Amino acid sequence: MEIKILQDEKNELKVQINNLTIVEILRVYLNQDEAVKFAAWRREHPSKPPVLYIKTSGKGAKKALQDAISKIEKESDKLLGEFKKAK
């Protein structure tokens, strides 16, 4: 998976990620954070990778992204544990 930071400011971040599924999951988790004022993705054309836009207030945009990734990892680990128990 390729990740490219297009804009990096304290409260604003634009990240190009070449995986639409990951971008959508990140958007959902980012919008659950009260410090995130805006999180959405856009792609100019179906052949181009999506760009995730994040705007925050009260905490840095990179920190918000890191927090969202941590939550996704924890929930994924929990889900994987449940599947292993179900064997």
Protein backbone atom coordinates (compact mmCIF):
# COMPACT_ATOMS: atom_id res chain seq x y z
CA MET A 1 0.00 0.00 0.00
CA GLU A 2 1.35 3.39 -0.98
CA ILE A 3 0.84 6.41 1.27
CA LYS A 4 1.84 9.91 0.23
CA ILE A 5 1.44 13.01 2.40
CA LEU A 6 0.32 15.88 0.18
CA GLN A 7 -0.20 18.54 2.86
CA ASP A 8 0.96 18.49 6.47
CA GLU A 9 -0.09 21.33 8.74
CA LYS A 10 -0.91 21.17 12.43
CA ASN A 11 -4.69 21.05 12.04
CA GLU A 12 -4.96 19.99 8.40
CA LEU A 13 -3.68 16.92 6.62
CA LYS A 14 -4.09 15.57 3.09
CA VAL A 15 -2.95 12.00 2.53
CA GLN A 16 -3.08 10.01 -0.69
CA ILE A 17 -3.63 6.30 -0.04
CA ASN A 18 -3.98 3.86 -2.91
CA ASN A 19 -6.53 1.66 -1.10
CA LEU A 20 -10.14 2.83 -1.16
CA THR A 21 -11.25 0.41 1.57
CA ILE A 22 -8.61 1.68 4.02
CA VAL A 23 -9.46 5.30 3.23
CA GLU A 24 -13.16 4.70 3.93
CA ILE A 25 -12.45 2.89 7.22
CA LEU A 26 -10.17 5.72 8.32
CA ARG A 27 -12.84 8.28 7.43
CA VAL A 28 -15.41 6.52 9.58
CA TYR A 29 -13.10 6.29 12.61
CA LEU A 30 -11.83 9.84 12.22
CA ASN A 31 -15.37 11.20 12.23
CA GLN A 32 -15.97 9.51 15.60
CA ASP A 33 -13.27 11.72 17.16
CA GLU A 34 -14.67 14.94 18.67
CA ALA A 35 -11.48 16.84 17.77
CA VAL A 36 -11.98 16.08 14.07
CA LYS A 37 -14.04 18.78 12.41
CA PHE A 38 -13.90 17.30 8.94
CA ALA A 39 -12.72 13.99 7.51
CA ALA A 40 -13.57 12.94 3.98
CA TRP A 41 -11.94 11.49 0.92
CA ARG A 42 -12.10 12.39 -2.71
CA ARG A 43 -10.68 11.06 -5.91
CA GLU A 44 -10.59 12.94 -9.14
CA HIS A 45 -11.05 9.90 -11.34
CA PRO A 46 -11.62 6.16 -10.70
CA SER A 47 -8.14 5.45 -12.08
CA LYS A 48 -6.52 7.75 -9.49
CA PRO A 49 -5.97 7.02 -5.78
CA PRO A 50 -8.24 8.71 -3.23
CA VAL A 51 -7.04 11.60 -1.08
CA LEU A 52 -8.10 11.73 2.57
CA TYR A 53 -8.69 15.24 3.96
CA ILE A 54 -8.57 15.78 7.73
CA LYS A 55 -9.24 19.03 9.61
CA THR A 56 -9.06 19.16 13.39
CA SER A 57 -9.51 21.52 16.30
CA GLY A 58 -7.86 20.92 19.66
CA LYS A 59 -5.42 18.26 18.53
CA GLY A 60 -3.14 17.82 15.57
CA ALA A 61 -4.40 16.16 12.42
CA LYS A 62 -1.55 13.62 12.47
CA LYS A 63 -2.41 12.72 16.08
CA ALA A 64 -6.06 12.24 15.10
CA LEU A 65 -4.98 9.94 12.27
CA GLN A 66 -2.70 7.96 14.61
CA ASP A 67 -5.53 7.64 17.14
CA ALA A 68 -7.91 6.35 14.46
CA ILE A 69 -5.34 3.79 13.29
CA SER A 70 -4.82 2.63 16.89
CA LYS A 71 -8.57 2.15 17.38
CA ILE A 72 -8.82 0.18 14.14
CA GLU A 73 -5.91 -2.04 15.20
CA LYS A 74 -7.46 -2.73 18.63
CA GLU A 75 -10.85 -3.58 17.18
CA SER A 76 -9.27 -5.77 14.47
CA ASP A 77 -7.26 -7.67 17.08
CA LYS A 78 -10.41 -8.17 19.15
CA LEU A 79 -12.32 -9.43 16.12
CA LEU A 80 -9.50 -11.79 15.17
CA GLY A 81 -9.49 -13.15 18.73
CA GLU A 82 -13.21 -13.83 18.51
CA PHE A 83 -12.75 -15.73 15.24
CA LYS A 84 -9.99 -17.83 16.77
CA LYS A 85 -12.23 -18.72 19.72
CA ALA A 86 -14.99 -19.80 17.32
CA LYS A 87 -12.84 -22.53 15.70
